[in-house]
Amino acid sequence: MSAIENTISRAGFRLRFLGRTKATAIGGRGVTFKDAPAPVPQPERNLSLGPSAPLKTEILTAPGGALGDIEDALRRNVAVLSDGTFYIHSAVISDPQARSLTDRARRLGINLKEPEPVELSVIRELYGTAATKRIDNAEGIKARFVAMIEEAVAFRTSDIQVKLNEEQGSAEVRFQIDGFLSGVVEEFHHDELEALITTAFYYGDNGDATPNPSKNQKVTVNKRHKLPPGVFSLRLHFAKLASGRHLNIRVIYEKLAVSGQGLSALGLPREIERTLLYVQTLGKGLLTIGAPTEHGKSTTLTVWLGDLLDSRGGKLTVASVDDPPEGLDPRIIYFPVSDGGGDEVDSFTEALKASLRIAPHVVRVGECREGPPARMAFDAANTGKLVSTTIHCAGVLNIPSRYEELGVPTLLAYSAERHACWYSQRLVPKLCPGCRRLLSEAAKKDARLDVLRERFEGALGQAAGDLYARGPGCDNCLKRSAKIGIAGIKGRQLIGETLIPDQRICDLLRNRQHEDARRTWLVDTGGRSMALVGYPYLLRGDIGVQEWVSYVASAEDLKCDLALAAQTGPRP
């Protein structure tokens, strides 16, 4: 039995998780994971905090307290105790709204002491300690929550999905692996729900001071002693639903799930790899990697930057602004995005401005989610910097319009001079070779597959007879856990498309002449779309028809791209 299991056994916590006994150590100030670095000792302060620490005074600014009817934006920066202690986040110690609580308390007959500046984490721990005291079996729920995270990391889970149905008084936990949801791996019932929400909320280091079911809230976990080995950060998103709440826990790993080094480790087709190598030789412009969520945009960008640094012997200054960074490279200078009160746009912009002041050769903008980062990425590219970023979009021809939607001026979004390269990719689930089925046979028993068979026959003719569909599952794809494994799926295949845009294509896209732009790309410049790049994998049975239409293209779009490719050379 390991040291952790011995510790938890003595504490009396034995957890039944995924069909076997699992033990986890629970400390007074949080969980200490095996092999994780010990927490850095903190200076002594006159607060006794932590889930098991006594809190003898009430928090008057908590919901329901004497001063509890304040905005959440203010509550996250202040904590007033019933003994008159008044804590204010040091960054807003002079804020008139925060200090006005003194007058408000005086009118209620409460005399407050002089405001004491503290870190945000101190304020969150105060609220968390008070909330945890009101929950029965708080430590047991916390142990189950931590065990759930450990198990998810063991399966390289990207997201933990927790659906809270408050009307039914239950919560179901599923793991998202390779883009698919697992079966239910853990359940919480009735009185456990409040404990689960409170535990998850206050497990984070940064975020709002108290849970608010009527709002969408975000909490992050960055402290090393709270994280399993190999995990850099956890991002918890609480979303309000019509029938309850949904909790998504995004797991950010320290190392990328890539074997080998350099661009070649990604297994990209030769022409795509050579295009991305060419972009590394440029001194300015904007490289944009576009894809939906969960398709490895950040991984590809990090690998590309690492390959660039390798090619220059590390003699480049590369600045990165991301929230949080994914795939840490010690040669890259990371600028943190501060969690300073919910104004994420301003904090991201400030971090990006700071990164430009160190005169970097290359700038990485982790992701253009909002207008300010997108506009600043364009501005940086216009000052002679090579800028790289990611964006959510469907394909390379959608990239400029996506920038336009984010508020980049149309003239800039469709200016070929600003763009170095457009790249888009998909991580497509691969069929398990042990149980995949011929589409022609599987369609006889499944009406949906029969519809796909008909469409692919109309697009490809006789070639459709050799296509495959996902199988029912076997020891090859479900050998680790039938509950967590995905039946018929074994890994994912990366496919992509690149385009170095010229002004002709940009003008066609700007004028909404998408079909003409696609023809120019595939016929006149000899480009290859994701459908053309992925077609050989479809024919070999590596990718099934269900996964093809879900992740790559429709049968009809594939037919159109094949027809355009035939005008420039032999069929792929």
Protein backbone atom coordinates (compact mmCIF):
# COMPACT_ATOMS: atom_id res chain seq x y z
CA MET A 1 0.00 0.00 0.00
CA SER A 2 1.37 3.42 -0.92
CA ALA A 3 2.01 6.25 1.52
CA ILE A 4 -1.08 8.07 0.26
CA GLU A 5 -3.25 4.99 0.73
CA ASN A 6 -1.86 4.47 4.24
CA THR A 7 -2.63 8.08 5.11
CA ILE A 8 -6.19 7.94 3.85
CA SER A 9 -6.79 4.55 5.42
CA ARG A 10 -5.87 6.01 8.80
CA ALA A 11 -8.22 8.93 8.14
CA GLY A 12 -11.00 6.48 7.51
CA PHE A 13 -11.71 7.36 3.88
CA ARG A 14 -12.08 4.32 1.64
CA LEU A 15 -13.70 5.17 -1.67
CA ARG A 16 -15.45 2.91 -4.11
CA PHE A 17 -14.70 4.44 -7.52
CA LEU A 18 -15.17 2.85 -10.93
CA GLY A 19 -15.62 -0.57 -9.43
CA ARG A 20 -12.53 -0.72 -7.20
CA THR A 21 -11.34 0.71 -3.88
CA LYS A 22 -9.39 3.92 -4.25
CA ALA A 23 -7.74 5.94 -1.51
CA THR A 24 -6.78 9.58 -1.44
CA ALA A 25 -5.13 11.74 1.20
CA ILE A 26 -7.00 14.76 2.42
CA GLY A 27 -5.08 17.52 4.15
CA GLY A 28 -6.34 20.40 6.23
CA ARG A 29 -5.60 22.95 3.49
CA GLY A 30 -6.25 20.78 0.47
CA VAL A 31 -5.19 17.58 -1.22
CA THR A 32 -1.53 16.65 -1.60
CA PHE A 33 -1.07 14.38 -4.60
CA LYS A 34 1.53 11.65 -4.79
CA ASP A 35 4.79 12.77 -6.48
CA ALA A 36 3.58 16.39 -6.55
CA PRO A 37 5.96 19.04 -5.21
CA ALA A 38 5.32 20.05 -1.63
CA PRO A 39 3.49 23.36 -1.30
CA VAL A 40 5.71 26.38 -0.73
CA PRO A 41 5.53 27.45 2.94
CA GLN A 42 3.43 30.59 3.33
CA PRO A 43 4.13 33.43 5.79
CA GLU A 44 2.22 33.23 9.03
CA ARG A 45 -0.95 35.27 9.13
CA ASN A 46 -3.66 35.74 11.71
CA LEU A 47 -6.19 33.63 9.84
CA SER A 48 -6.97 29.98 10.50
CA LEU A 49 -8.25 28.84 7.13
CA GLY A 50 -8.92 25.56 5.36
CA PRO A 51 -11.80 23.10 5.09
CA SER A 52 -11.23 21.70 8.57
CA ALA A 53 -10.13 24.92 10.29
CA PRO A 54 -12.57 26.54 12.75
CA LEU A 55 -14.05 29.88 11.82
CA LYS A 56 -15.43 31.39 15.02
CA THR A 57 -16.88 34.52 13.44
CA GLU A 58 -19.55 34.93 10.79
CA ILE A 59 -18.90 36.50 7.40
CA LEU A 60 -21.34 39.38 7.15
CA THR A 61 -20.78 39.87 3.40
CA ALA A 62 -21.73 36.26 2.57
CA PRO A 63 -25.13 35.77 0.91
CA GLY A 64 -27.75 36.00 3.65
CA GLY A 65 -25.44 37.94 5.97
CA ALA A 66 -26.10 41.40 7.37
CA LEU A 67 -24.07 42.91 4.50
CA GLY A 68 -24.76 40.08 2.05
CA ASP A 69 -26.94 41.97 -0.44
CA ILE A 70 -23.99 43.28 -2.46
CA GLU A 71 -22.94 42.61 -6.04
CA ASP A 72 -20.82 39.52 -6.68
CA ALA A 73 -18.19 41.72 -8.32
CA LEU A 74 -17.77 43.56 -5.01
CA ARG A 75 -18.06 40.45 -2.81
CA ARG A 76 -15.10 38.76 -4.55
CA ASN A 77 -12.90 41.66 -3.35
CA VAL A 78 -14.10 42.05 0.25
CA ALA A 79 -14.88 40.04 3.38
CA VAL A 80 -16.36 41.59 6.53
CA LEU A 81 -16.36 39.45 9.70
CA SER A 82 -18.72 39.80 12.63
CA ASP A 83 -15.82 40.79 14.90
CA GLY A 84 -15.33 43.92 12.78
CA THR A 85 -12.39 42.65 10.72
CA PHE A 86 -12.54 44.12 7.22
CA TYR A 87 -10.49 42.49 4.44
CA ILE A 88 -10.11 44.10 1.00
CA HIS A 89 -8.24 42.76 -2.01
CA SER A 90 -4.96 44.70 -2.07
CA ALA A 91 -5.47 45.70 -5.72
CA VAL A 92 -8.64 47.65 -4.84
CA ILE A 93 -7.76 48.82 -1.33
CA SER A 94 -8.60 52.42 -2.27
CA ASP A 95 -11.81 51.59 -4.16
CA PRO A 96 -14.62 53.89 -2.88
CA GLN A 97 -17.29 51.23 -3.36
CA ALA A 98 -15.41 48.73 -1.21
CA ARG A 99 -14.66 51.27 1.50
CA SER A 100 -18.28 52.41 1.54
CA LEU A 101 -19.09 49.20 3.42
CA THR A 102 -17.74 50.94 6.56
CA ASP A 103 -20.52 53.54 6.46
CA ARG A 104 -23.11 50.95 5.55
CA ALA A 105 -22.09 48.75 8.51
CA ARG A 106 -22.14 51.75 10.88
CA ARG A 107 -25.77 52.44 9.95
CA LEU A 108 -26.52 48.85 11.01
CA GLY A 109 -24.73 49.36 14.32
CA ILE A 110 -21.62 47.41 13.27
CA ASN A 111 -18.24 49.05 13.80
CA LEU A 112 -15.57 47.91 11.38
CA LYS A 113 -11.83 48.00 11.88
CA GLU A 114 -9.48 49.70 9.44
CA PRO A 115 -9.51 47.80 6.11
CA GLU A 116 -6.69 45.26 5.85
CA PRO A 117 -5.26 44.53 2.37
CA VAL A 118 -5.00 40.81 1.49
CA GLU A 119 -4.71 38.59 -1.57
CA LEU A 120 -7.81 37.34 -3.36
CA SER A 121 -7.00 33.77 -2.28
CA VAL A 122 -7.39 34.81 1.39
CA ILE A 123 -10.89 36.16 0.75
CA ARG A 124 -11.93 33.04 -1.17
CA GLU A 125 -10.63 30.77 1.62
CA LEU A 126 -12.66 32.69 4.19
CA TYR A 127 -15.89 32.22 2.23
CA GLY A 128 -14.97 28.61 1.49
CA THR A 129 -14.29 27.76 5.12
CA ALA A 130 -17.61 29.25 6.21
CA ALA A 131 -19.51 27.42 3.47
CA THR A 132 -17.83 24.07 4.17
CA LYS A 133 -18.69 24.26 7.89
CA ARG A 134 -22.39 24.08 7.03
CA ILE A 135 -22.02 20.81 5.04
CA ASP A 136 -22.24 17.35 6.53
CA ASN A 137 -19.53 14.93 5.38
CA ALA A 138 -17.68 17.70 3.54
CA GLU A 139 -14.37 15.81 3.74
CA GLY A 140 -15.91 12.65 2.29
CA ILE A 141 -17.37 14.53 -0.68
CA LYS A 142 -14.05 16.27 -1.20
CA ALA A 143 -12.27 12.90 -1.23
CA ARG A 144 -14.63 11.62 -3.92
CA PHE A 145 -14.15 14.81 -5.95
CA VAL A 146 -10.35 14.48 -5.83
CA ALA A 147 -10.47 10.76 -6.67
CA MET A 148 -12.63 11.64 -9.67
CA ILE A 149 -9.97 14.05 -10.94
CA GLU A 150 -7.20 11.48 -10.42
CA GLU A 151 -9.09 8.85 -12.39
CA ALA A 152 -9.82 11.29 -15.21
CA VAL A 153 -6.13 12.17 -15.51
CA ALA A 154 -5.20 8.47 -15.63
CA PHE A 155 -7.30 8.18 -18.81
CA ARG A 156 -5.88 11.43 -20.29
CA THR A 157 -9.34 12.99 -20.10
CA SER A 158 -9.65 16.43 -21.66
CA ASP A 159 -12.86 17.43 -19.85
CA ILE A 160 -14.86 16.17 -16.88
CA GLN A 161 -18.55 16.82 -17.50
CA VAL A 162 -20.80 17.04 -14.43
CA LYS A 163 -24.49 17.53 -15.16
CA LEU A 164 -26.39 18.73 -12.10
CA ASN A 165 -30.14 18.07 -12.20
CA GLU A 166 -31.44 19.87 -9.14
CA GLU A 167 -35.08 18.93 -9.80
CA GLN A 168 -34.20 15.22 -9.62
CA GLY A 169 -31.57 15.80 -6.96
CA SER A 170 -28.75 14.06 -8.78
CA ALA A 171 -25.52 14.67 -10.67
CA GLU A 172 -23.90 12.46 -13.31
CA VAL A 173 -20.18 12.53 -14.06
CA ARG A 174 -18.75 11.60 -17.46
CA PHE A 175 -15.26 11.85 -18.94
CA GLN A 176 -14.62 13.36 -22.36
CA ILE A 177 -11.84 11.43 -24.13
CA ASP A 178 -10.79 11.92 -27.76
CA GLY A 179 -13.91 14.00 -28.33
CA PHE A 180 -16.35 11.35 -27.03
CA LEU A 181 -18.26 11.20 -23.75
CA SER A 182 -17.84 8.09 -21.62
CA GLY A 183 -20.57 6.35 -19.71
CA VAL A 184 -21.50 7.58 -16.24
CA VAL A 185 -18.43 7.06 -14.03
CA GLU A 186 -19.70 8.62 -10.79
CA GLU A 187 -23.04 9.79 -9.36
CA PHE A 188 -23.97 12.19 -6.58
CA HIS A 189 -27.46 12.24 -5.02
CA HIS A 190 -29.74 14.55 -3.03
CA ASP A 191 -27.91 16.09 -0.07
CA GLU A 192 -24.56 15.43 -1.78
CA LEU A 193 -25.31 18.03 -4.47
CA GLU A 194 -24.72 21.14 -2.38
CA ALA A 195 -21.56 19.57 -0.98
CA LEU A 196 -20.31 18.76 -4.48
CA ILE A 197 -20.96 22.28 -5.80
CA THR A 198 -19.37 23.92 -2.77
CA THR A 199 -16.38 21.58 -2.78
CA ALA A 200 -15.72 22.06 -6.49
CA PHE A 201 -16.19 25.82 -6.30
CA TYR A 202 -13.84 26.37 -3.38
CA TYR A 203 -11.26 23.88 -4.62
CA GLY A 204 -10.16 26.63 -7.00
CA ASP A 205 -7.60 29.32 -6.27
CA ASN A 206 -9.22 32.13 -8.25
CA GLY A 207 -12.79 33.07 -9.08
CA ASP A 208 -15.89 34.62 -7.56
CA ALA A 209 -16.17 34.64 -3.77
CA THR A 210 -19.40 32.62 -3.58
CA PRO A 211 -21.36 30.31 -5.92
CA ASN A 212 -24.27 31.96 -7.70
CA PRO A 213 -26.70 29.55 -9.45
CA SER A 214 -28.11 32.36 -11.60
CA LYS A 215 -24.74 33.20 -13.17
CA ASN A 216 -22.12 31.52 -15.33
CA GLN A 217 -18.96 31.37 -13.26
CA LYS A 218 -15.34 30.31 -13.77
CA VAL A 219 -12.86 29.01 -11.20
CA THR A 220 -9.23 27.99 -11.78
CA VAL A 221 -6.96 25.64 -9.83
CA ASN A 222 -3.24 26.40 -10.15
CA LYS A 223 -1.66 25.47 -6.81
CA ARG A 224 0.66 22.50 -7.29
CA HIS A 225 -0.34 20.59 -4.15
CA LYS A 226 -3.95 20.46 -5.36
CA LEU A 227 -3.10 18.97 -8.77
CA PRO A 228 -2.19 15.43 -9.84
CA PRO A 229 1.28 14.87 -11.31
CA GLY A 230 1.50 16.01 -14.91
CA VAL A 231 -1.38 18.51 -14.63
CA PHE A 232 -0.65 22.21 -14.97
CA SER A 233 -4.09 23.62 -14.20
CA LEU A 234 -7.80 22.92 -13.90
CA ARG A 235 -10.46 25.26 -15.27
CA LEU A 236 -13.92 24.87 -13.80
CA HIS A 237 -16.89 26.43 -15.61
CA PHE A 238 -20.27 26.54 -13.87
CA ALA A 239 -23.04 27.11 -16.42
CA LYS A 240 -26.67 27.80 -15.56
CA LEU A 241 -29.24 25.52 -17.21
CA ALA A 242 -33.01 25.41 -17.34
CA SER A 243 -33.07 22.33 -15.09
CA GLY A 244 -30.03 22.95 -12.93
CA ARG A 245 -26.36 23.59 -13.53
CA HIS A 246 -23.56 22.09 -15.57
CA LEU A 247 -19.97 21.89 -14.40
CA ASN A 248 -17.18 21.42 -16.94
CA ILE A 249 -13.68 20.76 -15.63
CA ARG A 250 -11.03 21.29 -18.31
CA VAL A 251 -7.75 19.49 -17.55
CA ILE A 252 -4.64 21.36 -18.72
CA TYR A 253 -1.65 19.02 -18.92
CA GLU A 254 1.98 20.05 -18.53
CA LYS A 255 3.15 17.97 -21.48
CA LEU A 256 1.59 17.58 -24.89
CA ALA A 257 0.18 14.23 -25.97
CA VAL A 258 2.73 14.01 -28.79
CA SER A 259 5.48 11.42 -29.13
CA GLY A 260 8.71 12.67 -30.65
CA GLN A 261 9.93 16.17 -31.39
CA GLY A 262 9.41 18.72 -34.13
CA LEU A 263 6.65 19.06 -36.67
CA SER A 264 7.28 15.54 -37.92
CA ALA A 265 5.91 14.22 -34.61
CA LEU A 266 2.44 15.39 -35.66
CA GLY A 267 2.38 13.10 -38.68
CA LEU A 268 1.19 15.81 -41.06
CA PRO A 269 1.15 15.23 -44.83
CA ARG A 270 4.37 16.35 -46.49
CA GLU A 271 2.92 19.39 -48.29
CA ILE A 272 1.32 20.74 -45.09
CA GLU A 273 4.49 20.24 -43.05
CA ARG A 274 6.56 22.01 -45.70
CA THR A 275 4.15 24.95 -45.76
CA LEU A 276 4.40 25.35 -41.99
CA LEU A 277 8.20 25.10 -42.22
CA TYR A 278 8.15 27.88 -44.81
CA VAL A 279 6.17 30.14 -42.46
CA GLN A 280 8.97 29.73 -39.89
CA THR A 281 11.32 31.52 -42.30
CA LEU A 282 9.11 34.62 -42.44
CA GLY A 283 9.82 37.67 -40.33
CA LYS A 284 6.31 39.07 -40.10
CA GLY A 285 2.68 38.26 -40.65
CA LEU A 286 -0.04 36.34 -38.85
CA LEU A 287 -0.20 32.53 -38.71
CA THR A 288 -3.70 31.44 -37.75
CA ILE A 289 -4.58 27.89 -36.76
CA GLY A 290 -8.33 27.36 -36.94
CA ALA A 291 -10.46 24.48 -35.70
CA PRO A 292 -13.41 23.81 -33.40
CA THR A 293 -12.76 23.08 -29.73
CA GLU A 294 -11.10 19.78 -28.83
CA HIS A 295 -9.10 19.47 -32.07
CA GLY A 296 -5.56 20.18 -30.92
CA LYS A 297 -5.05 23.77 -32.08
CA SER A 298 -2.90 24.72 -29.08
CA THR A 299 -0.88 21.52 -29.32
CA THR A 300 -0.02 22.13 -32.97
CA LEU A 301 0.90 25.75 -32.28
CA THR A 302 3.14 24.80 -29.35
CA VAL A 303 4.89 22.11 -31.42
CA TRP A 304 5.36 24.60 -34.28
CA LEU A 305 6.94 27.17 -31.94
CA GLY A 306 9.20 24.53 -30.38
CA ASP A 307 10.32 23.42 -33.83
CA LEU A 308 11.02 27.04 -34.77
CA LEU A 309 13.16 27.51 -31.64
CA ASP A 310 15.05 24.30 -32.38
CA SER A 311 15.82 25.49 -35.91
CA ARG A 312 17.35 28.73 -34.56
CA GLY A 313 19.28 27.13 -31.73
CA GLY A 314 17.00 28.84 -29.23
CA LYS A 315 18.28 32.27 -30.30
CA LEU A 316 14.85 33.80 -30.55
CA THR A 317 12.70 35.68 -28.08
CA VAL A 318 9.24 34.13 -28.12
CA ALA A 319 6.52 35.71 -25.99
CA SER A 320 3.27 33.90 -25.25
CA VAL A 321 0.00 35.20 -23.84
CA ASP A 322 -2.44 32.46 -22.93
CA ASP A 323 -5.05 31.67 -20.28
CA PRO A 324 -3.75 29.25 -19.15
CA PRO A 325 -0.68 28.21 -21.16
CA GLU A 326 -0.81 24.68 -22.56
CA GLY A 327 2.28 22.59 -23.16
CA LEU A 328 4.96 24.55 -21.30
CA ASP A 329 8.28 25.16 -23.08
CA PRO A 330 10.98 26.70 -20.83
CA ARG A 331 12.35 28.65 -23.81
CA ILE A 332 9.11 30.60 -24.21
CA ILE A 333 8.38 33.64 -22.03
CA TYR A 334 4.83 33.27 -20.73
CA PHE A 335 2.84 36.35 -19.75
CA PRO A 336 0.04 35.46 -17.32
CA VAL A 337 -3.49 36.71 -17.73
CA SER A 338 -4.44 38.01 -14.29
CA ASP A 339 -7.78 37.16 -12.74
CA GLY A 340 -8.51 40.63 -11.52
CA GLY A 341 -12.25 40.90 -11.14
CA GLY A 342 -13.85 39.25 -14.13
CA ASP A 343 -12.75 41.69 -16.85
CA GLU A 344 -10.91 39.04 -18.85
CA VAL A 345 -10.77 41.08 -22.05
CA ASP A 346 -8.85 43.96 -20.41
CA SER A 347 -6.48 41.63 -18.52
CA PHE A 348 -5.69 39.71 -21.72
CA THR A 349 -5.05 42.93 -23.62
CA GLU A 350 -2.76 44.24 -20.88
CA ALA A 351 -0.77 41.00 -20.90
CA LEU A 352 -0.41 41.19 -24.68
CA LYS A 353 0.79 44.80 -24.47
CA ALA A 354 3.36 43.77 -21.87
CA SER A 355 4.63 40.97 -24.11
CA LEU A 356 5.33 43.41 -26.94
CA ARG A 357 7.49 45.58 -24.67
CA ILE A 358 10.23 42.92 -24.44
CA ALA A 359 10.88 43.19 -28.21
CA PRO A 360 10.05 39.58 -29.09
CA HIS A 361 10.83 38.06 -32.48
CA VAL A 362 7.69 35.91 -32.35
CA VAL A 363 4.48 36.46 -30.42
CA ARG A 364 1.98 33.77 -29.55
CA VAL A 365 -1.57 34.82 -28.75
CA GLY A 366 -3.03 31.70 -27.17
CA GLU A 367 -6.49 32.10 -28.63
CA CYS A 368 -8.50 34.92 -30.18
CA ARG A 369 -11.76 34.50 -28.27
CA GLU A 370 -12.66 38.18 -28.10
CA GLY A 371 -12.23 41.28 -30.21
CA PRO A 372 -9.34 43.02 -28.39
CA PRO A 373 -6.89 40.08 -28.62
CA ALA A 374 -7.78 39.55 -32.29
CA ARG A 375 -7.25 43.22 -33.13
CA MET A 376 -3.99 43.35 -31.19
CA ALA A 377 -2.75 40.24 -33.01
CA PHE A 378 -3.26 42.11 -36.29
CA ASP A 379 -1.56 45.21 -34.91
CA ALA A 380 1.46 43.17 -33.77
CA ALA A 381 1.71 41.50 -37.18
CA ASN A 382 1.71 44.93 -38.80
CA THR A 383 4.71 46.09 -36.73
CA GLY A 384 7.07 43.58 -38.26
CA LYS A 385 6.41 40.70 -35.85
CA LEU A 386 5.68 37.10 -36.71
CA VAL A 387 2.50 36.42 -34.74
CA SER A 388 0.82 33.05 -34.23
CA THR A 389 -2.59 32.37 -32.76
CA THR A 390 -5.57 30.03 -32.78
CA ILE A 391 -9.22 30.69 -33.52
CA HIS A 392 -12.47 28.75 -33.56
CA CYS A 393 -13.65 28.20 -37.12
CA ALA A 394 -14.58 25.44 -39.59
CA GLY A 395 -11.80 25.72 -42.19
CA VAL A 396 -9.15 27.92 -43.76
CA LEU A 397 -11.61 29.82 -45.94
CA ASN A 398 -13.59 30.79 -42.83
CA ILE A 399 -10.66 32.41 -41.02
CA PRO A 400 -10.94 36.01 -42.32
CA SER A 401 -14.70 36.15 -41.77
CA ARG A 402 -14.19 34.87 -38.23
CA TYR A 403 -11.78 37.74 -37.57
CA GLU A 404 -14.36 40.11 -39.03
CA GLU A 405 -16.98 38.74 -36.61
CA LEU A 406 -14.58 39.40 -33.72
CA GLY A 407 -14.41 43.07 -34.65
CA VAL A 408 -11.27 43.25 -36.82
CA PRO A 409 -11.94 45.89 -39.52
CA THR A 410 -12.97 44.28 -42.80
CA LEU A 411 -10.13 45.95 -44.69
CA LEU A 412 -7.59 44.31 -42.37
CA ALA A 413 -9.32 40.95 -42.00
CA TYR A 414 -9.25 40.44 -45.79
CA SER A 415 -5.80 41.92 -46.41
CA ALA A 416 -3.43 39.22 -47.71
CA GLU A 417 -0.49 41.36 -46.63
CA ARG A 418 -1.38 40.88 -42.96
CA HIS A 419 -1.69 37.08 -43.18
CA ALA A 420 1.31 34.76 -43.31
CA CYS A 421 -0.67 31.51 -43.47
CA TRP A 422 -4.05 29.95 -42.71
CA TYR A 423 -4.06 26.43 -41.33
CA SER A 424 -6.99 24.34 -40.13
CA GLN A 425 -7.13 20.82 -38.75
CA ARG A 426 -9.29 18.07 -37.29
CA LEU A 427 -8.56 15.22 -34.91
CA VAL A 428 -10.82 12.55 -36.38
CA PRO A 429 -11.63 9.41 -34.34
CA LYS A 430 -10.12 6.28 -35.91
CA LEU A 431 -11.99 3.02 -36.22
CA CYS A 432 -10.90 0.07 -34.15
CA PRO A 433 -9.56 -2.47 -36.66
CA GLY A 434 -10.70 -5.28 -34.39
CA CYS A 435 -14.44 -4.63 -34.70
CA ARG A 436 -15.05 -2.20 -37.60
CA ARG A 437 -17.82 -3.23 -40.01
CA LEU A 438 -18.25 -2.91 -43.75
CA LEU A 439 -20.77 -0.16 -44.39
CA SER A 440 -22.70 -2.29 -46.88
CA GLU A 441 -23.32 -4.96 -44.21
CA ALA A 442 -23.87 -2.66 -41.25
CA ALA A 443 -26.42 -0.59 -43.22
CA LYS A 444 -28.74 -3.59 -43.45
CA LYS A 445 -29.40 -3.37 -39.70
CA ASP A 446 -29.18 0.38 -39.12
CA ALA A 447 -31.39 2.92 -40.91
CA ARG A 448 -29.02 5.81 -40.26
CA LEU A 449 -26.08 3.92 -41.72
CA ASP A 450 -28.26 3.03 -44.70
CA VAL A 451 -28.86 6.76 -45.28
CA LEU A 452 -25.10 7.35 -45.22
CA ARG A 453 -24.50 4.39 -47.55
CA GLU A 454 -26.91 5.88 -50.05
CA ARG A 455 -25.27 9.31 -49.92
CA PHE A 456 -21.73 7.99 -50.26
CA GLU A 457 -22.76 5.76 -53.17
CA GLY A 458 -24.21 8.83 -54.86
CA ALA A 459 -20.96 10.72 -54.31
CA LEU A 460 -18.34 8.00 -54.87
CA GLY A 461 -20.07 5.29 -56.86
CA GLN A 462 -18.58 1.81 -56.46
CA ALA A 463 -15.85 3.06 -54.12
CA ALA A 464 -18.49 3.43 -51.42
CA GLY A 465 -18.75 -0.36 -51.24
CA ASP A 466 -15.37 -0.53 -49.49
CA LEU A 467 -16.12 2.02 -46.78
CA TYR A 468 -16.43 1.10 -43.10
CA ALA A 469 -18.58 1.97 -40.09
CA ARG A 470 -17.85 1.94 -36.38
CA GLY A 471 -18.01 -1.45 -34.68
CA PRO A 472 -19.77 -2.56 -31.47
CA GLY A 473 -16.59 -2.66 -29.38
CA CYS A 474 -14.09 -5.39 -28.55
CA ASP A 475 -11.15 -6.16 -26.26
CA ASN A 476 -8.93 -4.03 -28.50
CA CYS A 477 -10.84 -0.78 -27.92
CA LEU A 478 -12.44 -1.48 -24.52
CA LYS A 479 -9.64 -3.37 -22.80
CA ARG A 480 -9.07 -0.76 -20.06
CA SER A 481 -12.64 -0.01 -19.06
CA ALA A 482 -15.94 -0.70 -20.79
CA LYS A 483 -17.45 2.23 -18.90
CA ILE A 484 -14.84 4.74 -20.04
CA GLY A 485 -13.64 3.33 -23.38
CA ILE A 486 -15.43 4.28 -26.60
CA ALA A 487 -16.82 1.27 -28.44
CA GLY A 488 -15.39 0.92 -31.93
CA ILE A 489 -12.89 3.81 -31.62
CA LYS A 490 -9.12 3.52 -31.22
CA GLY A 491 -7.23 6.82 -31.19
CA ARG A 492 -7.53 9.81 -33.54
CA GLN A 493 -6.12 10.80 -36.93
CA LEU A 494 -4.87 14.35 -37.57
CA ILE A 495 -5.78 15.81 -40.94
CA GLY A 496 -5.44 19.42 -42.01
CA GLU A 497 -5.36 22.01 -44.78
CA THR A 498 -3.18 25.04 -45.42
CA LEU A 499 -3.47 28.15 -47.53
CA ILE A 500 -1.07 31.03 -48.01
CA PRO A 501 -3.67 33.58 -49.11
CA ASP A 502 -3.23 36.02 -51.96
CA GLN A 503 -5.32 39.13 -52.46
CA ARG A 504 -7.42 37.48 -55.17
CA ILE A 505 -8.73 34.83 -52.75
CA CYS A 506 -9.18 37.43 -50.00
CA ASP A 507 -11.25 39.65 -52.31
CA LEU A 508 -13.47 36.74 -53.35
CA LEU A 509 -14.10 35.85 -49.71
CA ARG A 510 -14.75 39.47 -48.81
CA ASN A 511 -17.38 39.64 -51.56
CA ARG A 512 -18.93 36.40 -50.25
CA GLN A 513 -18.02 34.48 -53.41
CA HIS A 514 -17.09 31.37 -51.48
CA GLU A 515 -17.44 28.84 -54.30
CA ASP A 516 -15.20 30.92 -56.57
CA ALA A 517 -12.66 31.27 -53.75
CA ARG A 518 -12.65 27.51 -53.21
CA ARG A 519 -12.20 26.87 -56.92
CA THR A 520 -9.30 29.32 -57.08
CA TRP A 521 -7.69 27.64 -54.08
CA LEU A 522 -8.09 24.02 -55.23
CA VAL A 523 -7.76 24.44 -59.01
CA ASP A 524 -5.62 27.50 -59.71
CA THR A 525 -3.19 27.16 -56.78
CA GLY A 526 -3.36 23.36 -56.44
CA GLY A 527 -4.46 23.48 -52.82
CA ARG A 528 -5.73 20.45 -50.92
CA SER A 529 -8.72 20.65 -48.61
CA MET A 530 -9.18 18.54 -45.49
CA ALA A 531 -11.56 16.35 -47.47
CA LEU A 532 -8.86 15.65 -50.08
CA VAL A 533 -6.19 15.08 -47.43
CA GLY A 534 -8.43 12.74 -45.43
CA TYR A 535 -9.90 10.81 -48.37
CA PRO A 536 -7.19 8.07 -48.36
CA TYR A 537 -7.90 7.41 -44.67
CA LEU A 538 -11.60 6.99 -45.50
CA LEU A 539 -10.83 4.51 -48.28
CA ARG A 540 -8.48 2.49 -46.06
CA GLY A 541 -11.08 2.19 -43.34
CA ASP A 542 -9.07 4.18 -40.80
CA ILE A 543 -11.94 6.70 -40.65
CA GLY A 544 -15.56 5.55 -40.70
CA VAL A 545 -18.44 7.20 -42.52
CA GLN A 546 -20.06 8.42 -39.29
CA GLU A 547 -16.87 10.12 -38.16
CA TRP A 548 -16.27 11.52 -41.66
CA VAL A 549 -19.54 13.41 -41.89
CA SER A 550 -19.26 14.55 -38.25
CA TYR A 551 -15.71 15.86 -38.42
CA VAL A 552 -14.57 16.33 -42.02
CA ALA A 553 -17.20 16.95 -44.70
CA SER A 554 -20.44 15.68 -46.18
CA ALA A 555 -20.38 13.09 -48.96
CA GLU A 556 -21.53 15.78 -51.38
CA ASP A 557 -18.75 18.21 -50.39
CA LEU A 558 -16.21 15.42 -50.85
CA LYS A 559 -17.56 14.80 -54.35
CA CYS A 560 -17.20 18.50 -55.23
CA ASP A 561 -13.61 18.68 -53.94
CA LEU A 562 -12.66 15.52 -55.83
CA ALA A 563 -14.08 17.01 -59.02
CA LEU A 564 -12.07 20.22 -58.53
CA ALA A 565 -8.90 18.27 -57.74
CA ALA A 566 -9.36 16.25 -60.93
CA GLN A 567 -8.95 19.47 -62.93
CA THR A 568 -5.41 19.93 -61.61
CA GLY A 569 -4.07 16.39 -61.51
CA PRO A 570 -4.77 12.73 -60.73
CA ARG A 571 -7.32 11.77 -58.11
CA PRO A 572 -5.74 11.37 -54.63
